[in-house]
Amino acid sequence: MVRTRVFRHIFKFHGFLESGKTAMKGILYLFLYHRNMRLIFMLGITAFLAGLKFRLKGIELVALCITITLVFMAEIFNTAIEMLMDMLTPKYRLRIKLVKDIAAGIVVLATLNSLWVGYILFARKLFR
């Protein structure tokens, strides 16, 4: 009896499911209210479908999916930082502007990375 309670306590799925629902609500919010997230999603889907059409190898598709996910994560991080900074103060503050600019820089780096990966994966197939 005691072992069963300990097992249930360690592997409690109710909390896991609730965490998943909360995370999905956050992602849904981004899709509904942030144009950049919708744009990144559409470009990511387009890149993935292009990868299938051009018959990229399995490892190339994995690299493409990781790159797409990296851009998603950068945009989510940027949006979260911007919202947090806006909650701190409505006034203009140079340091808050710098934090927001740095967070936006993460998106730029992820985007540049995705362009290079896309070039490496698709250039030889497009220019044959």
C-alpha atoms as a PDB file:
ATOM      1  CA  MET A   1       0.000   0.000   0.000  1.00  0.00           C
ATOM      2  CA  VAL A   2       2.773   2.444   0.906  1.00  0.00           C
ATOM      3  CA  ARG A   3       4.694   1.581  -2.253  1.00  0.00           C
ATOM      4  CA  THR A   4       1.642   2.406  -4.366  1.00  0.00           C
ATOM      5  CA  ARG A   5       1.263   5.851  -2.777  1.00  0.00           C
ATOM      6  CA  VAL A   6       4.945   6.613  -3.273  1.00  0.00           C
ATOM      7  CA  PHE A   7       4.750   5.482  -6.891  1.00  0.00           C
ATOM      8  CA  ARG A   8       1.671   7.657  -7.536  1.00  0.00           C
ATOM      9  CA  HIS A   9       3.328  10.623  -5.869  1.00  0.00           C
ATOM     10  CA  ILE A  10       6.486  10.315  -7.955  1.00  0.00           C
ATOM     11  CA  PHE A  11       4.681   9.761 -11.258  1.00  0.00           C
ATOM     12  CA  LYS A  12       1.805  12.184 -10.926  1.00  0.00           C
ATOM     13  CA  PHE A  13       0.476  12.809 -14.413  1.00  0.00           C
ATOM     14  CA  HIS A  14      -2.225  15.270 -13.406  1.00  0.00           C
ATOM     15  CA  GLY A  15       0.331  18.029 -12.892  1.00  0.00           C
ATOM     16  CA  PHE A  16       2.047  17.138 -16.145  1.00  0.00           C
ATOM     17  CA  LEU A  17      -1.197  17.397 -18.113  1.00  0.00           C
ATOM     18  CA  GLU A  18      -2.043  20.730 -16.490  1.00  0.00           C
ATOM     19  CA  SER A  19       1.415  22.055 -17.370  1.00  0.00           C
ATOM     20  CA  GLY A  20       0.904  20.953 -20.965  1.00  0.00           C
ATOM     21  CA  LYS A  21      -2.464  22.708 -21.161  1.00  0.00           C
ATOM     22  CA  THR A  22      -0.955  25.897 -19.754  1.00  0.00           C
ATOM     23  CA  ALA A  23       1.895  25.789 -22.267  1.00  0.00           C
ATOM     24  CA  MET A  24      -0.534  25.247 -25.153  1.00  0.00           C
ATOM     25  CA  LYS A  25      -2.566  28.265 -24.009  1.00  0.00           C
ATOM     26  CA  GLY A  26       0.599  30.355 -24.170  1.00  0.00           C
ATOM     27  CA  ILE A  27       1.424  29.177 -27.674  1.00  0.00           C
ATOM     28  CA  LEU A  28      -2.181  29.723 -28.794  1.00  0.00           C
ATOM     29  CA  TYR A  29      -2.015  33.275 -27.410  1.00  0.00           C
ATOM     30  CA  LEU A  30       1.098  33.932 -29.499  1.00  0.00           C
ATOM     31  CA  PHE A  31      -0.585  32.657 -32.660  1.00  0.00           C
ATOM     32  CA  LEU A  32      -3.730  34.692 -32.071  1.00  0.00           C
ATOM     33  CA  TYR A  33      -2.184  38.007 -31.060  1.00  0.00           C
ATOM     34  CA  HIS A  34       1.324  38.147 -32.546  1.00  0.00           C
ATOM     35  CA  ARG A  35       1.705  38.532 -36.289  1.00  0.00           C
ATOM     36  CA  ASN A  36       5.382  37.554 -36.261  1.00  0.00           C
ATOM     37  CA  MET A  37       4.579  34.147 -34.772  1.00  0.00           C
ATOM     38  CA  ARG A  38       2.046  33.441 -37.520  1.00  0.00           C
ATOM     39  CA  LEU A  39       4.588  34.528 -40.136  1.00  0.00           C
ATOM     40  CA  ILE A  40       7.325  32.338 -38.636  1.00  0.00           C
ATOM     41  CA  PHE A  41       4.886  29.416 -38.501  1.00  0.00           C
ATOM     42  CA  MET A  42       3.918  29.792 -42.165  1.00  0.00           C
ATOM     43  CA  LEU A  43       7.540  30.139 -43.271  1.00  0.00           C
ATOM     44  CA  GLY A  44       8.520  27.123 -41.181  1.00  0.00           C
ATOM     45  CA  ILE A  45       5.760  24.987 -42.682  1.00  0.00           C
ATOM     46  CA  THR A  46       6.724  26.189 -46.170  1.00  0.00           C
ATOM     47  CA  ALA A  47      10.391  25.317 -45.577  1.00  0.00           C
ATOM     48  CA  PHE A  48       9.467  21.864 -44.245  1.00  0.00           C
ATOM     49  CA  LEU A  49       7.189  21.144 -47.219  1.00  0.00           C
ATOM     50  CA  ALA A  50       9.933  22.344 -49.569  1.00  0.00           C
ATOM     51  CA  GLY A  51      12.286  19.926 -47.831  1.00  0.00           C
ATOM     52  CA  LEU A  52       9.867  17.104 -48.539  1.00  0.00           C
ATOM     53  CA  LYS A  53       9.352  18.219 -52.140  1.00  0.00           C
ATOM     54  CA  PHE A  54      13.093  18.403 -52.819  1.00  0.00           C
ATOM     55  CA  ARG A  55      13.531  15.020 -51.104  1.00  0.00           C
ATOM     56  CA  LEU A  56      16.041  16.111 -48.513  1.00  0.00           C
ATOM     57  CA  LYS A  57      17.789  13.274 -46.706  1.00  0.00           C
ATOM     58  CA  GLY A  58      16.628  12.339 -43.219  1.00  0.00           C
ATOM     59  CA  ILE A  59      19.488  14.139 -41.469  1.00  0.00           C
ATOM     60  CA  GLU A  60      18.878  17.235 -43.608  1.00  0.00           C
ATOM     61  CA  LEU A  61      15.202  17.249 -42.607  1.00  0.00           C
ATOM     62  CA  VAL A  62      16.244  16.925 -38.960  1.00  0.00           C
ATOM     63  CA  ALA A  63      18.588  19.920 -39.344  1.00  0.00           C
ATOM     64  CA  LEU A  64      15.781  21.866 -41.004  1.00  0.00           C
ATOM     65  CA  CYS A  65      13.296  21.028 -38.221  1.00  0.00           C
ATOM     66  CA  ILE A  66      15.789  21.976 -35.510  1.00  0.00           C
ATOM     67  CA  THR A  67      16.437  25.271 -37.286  1.00  0.00           C
ATOM     68  CA  ILE A  68      12.719  26.015 -37.588  1.00  0.00           C
ATOM     69  CA  THR A  69      12.249  25.210 -33.904  1.00  0.00           C
ATOM     70  CA  LEU A  70      15.171  27.469 -32.987  1.00  0.00           C
ATOM     71  CA  VAL A  71      13.503  30.425 -34.710  1.00  0.00           C
ATOM     72  CA  PHE A  72      10.203  29.632 -32.927  1.00  0.00           C
ATOM     73  CA  MET A  73      11.961  29.487 -29.578  1.00  0.00           C
ATOM     74  CA  ALA A  74      13.796  32.754 -30.209  1.00  0.00           C
ATOM     75  CA  GLU A  75      10.544  34.533 -31.059  1.00  0.00           C
ATOM     76  CA  ILE A  76       8.786  33.089 -28.009  1.00  0.00           C
ATOM     77  CA  PHE A  77      11.690  34.174 -25.798  1.00  0.00           C
ATOM     78  CA  ASN A  78      11.693  37.653 -27.347  1.00  0.00           C
ATOM     79  CA  THR A  79       7.944  38.081 -26.845  1.00  0.00           C
ATOM     80  CA  ALA A  80       8.145  36.907 -23.229  1.00  0.00           C
ATOM     81  CA  ILE A  81      11.006  39.319 -22.455  1.00  0.00           C
ATOM     82  CA  GLU A  82       9.200  42.237 -24.117  1.00  0.00           C
ATOM     83  CA  MET A  83       5.979  41.538 -22.211  1.00  0.00           C
ATOM     84  CA  LEU A  84       7.866  41.230 -18.927  1.00  0.00           C
ATOM     85  CA  MET A  85       9.701  44.499 -19.501  1.00  0.00           C
ATOM     86  CA  ASP A  86       6.433  46.264 -20.392  1.00  0.00           C
ATOM     87  CA  MET A  87       4.935  45.019 -17.111  1.00  0.00           C
ATOM     88  CA  LEU A  88       7.797  46.474 -15.078  1.00  0.00           C
ATOM     89  CA  THR A  89       7.195  50.070 -16.078  1.00  0.00           C
ATOM     90  CA  PRO A  90       5.243  51.958 -18.713  1.00  0.00           C
ATOM     91  CA  LYS A  91       7.920  54.679 -18.723  1.00  0.00           C
ATOM     92  CA  TYR A  92      10.789  54.740 -21.181  1.00  0.00           C
ATOM     93  CA  ARG A  93      13.968  53.395 -19.615  1.00  0.00           C
ATOM     94  CA  LEU A  94      17.221  52.993 -21.499  1.00  0.00           C
ATOM     95  CA  ARG A  95      18.108  49.700 -19.817  1.00  0.00           C
ATOM     96  CA  ILE A  96      14.689  48.212 -20.573  1.00  0.00           C
ATOM     97  CA  LYS A  97      15.117  49.274 -24.195  1.00  0.00           C
ATOM     98  CA  LEU A  98      18.515  47.561 -24.241  1.00  0.00           C
ATOM     99  CA  VAL A  99      17.066  44.345 -22.792  1.00  0.00           C
ATOM    100  CA  LYS A 100      14.343  44.384 -25.457  1.00  0.00           C
ATOM    101  CA  ASP A 101      16.904  45.071 -28.195  1.00  0.00           C
ATOM    102  CA  ILE A 102      19.084  42.200 -27.002  1.00  0.00           C
ATOM    103  CA  ALA A 103      16.076  39.847 -26.986  1.00  0.00           C
ATOM    104  CA  ALA A 104      15.238  40.986 -30.531  1.00  0.00           C
ATOM    105  CA  GLY A 105      18.859  40.305 -31.469  1.00  0.00           C
ATOM    106  CA  ILE A 106      18.356  36.668 -30.524  1.00  0.00           C
ATOM    107  CA  VAL A 107      15.600  36.452 -33.138  1.00  0.00           C
ATOM    108  CA  VAL A 108      17.854  38.077 -35.733  1.00  0.00           C
ATOM    109  CA  LEU A 109      20.630  35.555 -35.029  1.00  0.00           C
ATOM    110  CA  ALA A 110      18.227  32.621 -35.244  1.00  0.00           C
ATOM    111  CA  THR A 111      16.822  33.995 -38.494  1.00  0.00           C
ATOM    112  CA  LEU A 112      20.270  34.482 -40.030  1.00  0.00           C
ATOM    113  CA  ASN A 113      21.138  30.937 -38.980  1.00  0.00           C
ATOM    114  CA  SER A 114      17.973  29.649 -40.641  1.00  0.00           C
ATOM    115  CA  LEU A 115      18.824  31.475 -43.868  1.00  0.00           C
ATOM    116  CA  TRP A 116      22.285  29.866 -43.944  1.00  0.00           C
ATOM    117  CA  VAL A 117      20.895  26.422 -43.198  1.00  0.00           C
ATOM    118  CA  GLY A 118      18.256  26.916 -45.890  1.00  0.00           C
ATOM    119  CA  TYR A 119      20.908  28.010 -48.358  1.00  0.00           C
ATOM    120  CA  ILE A 120      23.098  25.021 -47.567  1.00  0.00           C
ATOM    121  CA  LEU A 121      20.191  22.570 -47.847  1.00  0.00           C
ATOM    122  CA  PHE A 122      18.368  24.010 -50.865  1.00  0.00           C
ATOM    123  CA  ALA A 123      20.927  25.848 -53.043  1.00  0.00           C
ATOM    124  CA  ARG A 124      22.337  22.851 -54.865  1.00  0.00           C
ATOM    125  CA  LYS A 125      18.846  21.466 -55.491  1.00  0.00           C
ATOM    126  CA  LEU A 126      17.458  24.797 -56.718  1.00  0.00           C
ATOM    127  CA  PHE A 127      20.349  25.744 -59.009  1.00  0.00           C
ATOM    128  CA  ARG A 128      20.844  22.405 -60.815  1.00  0.00           C
END
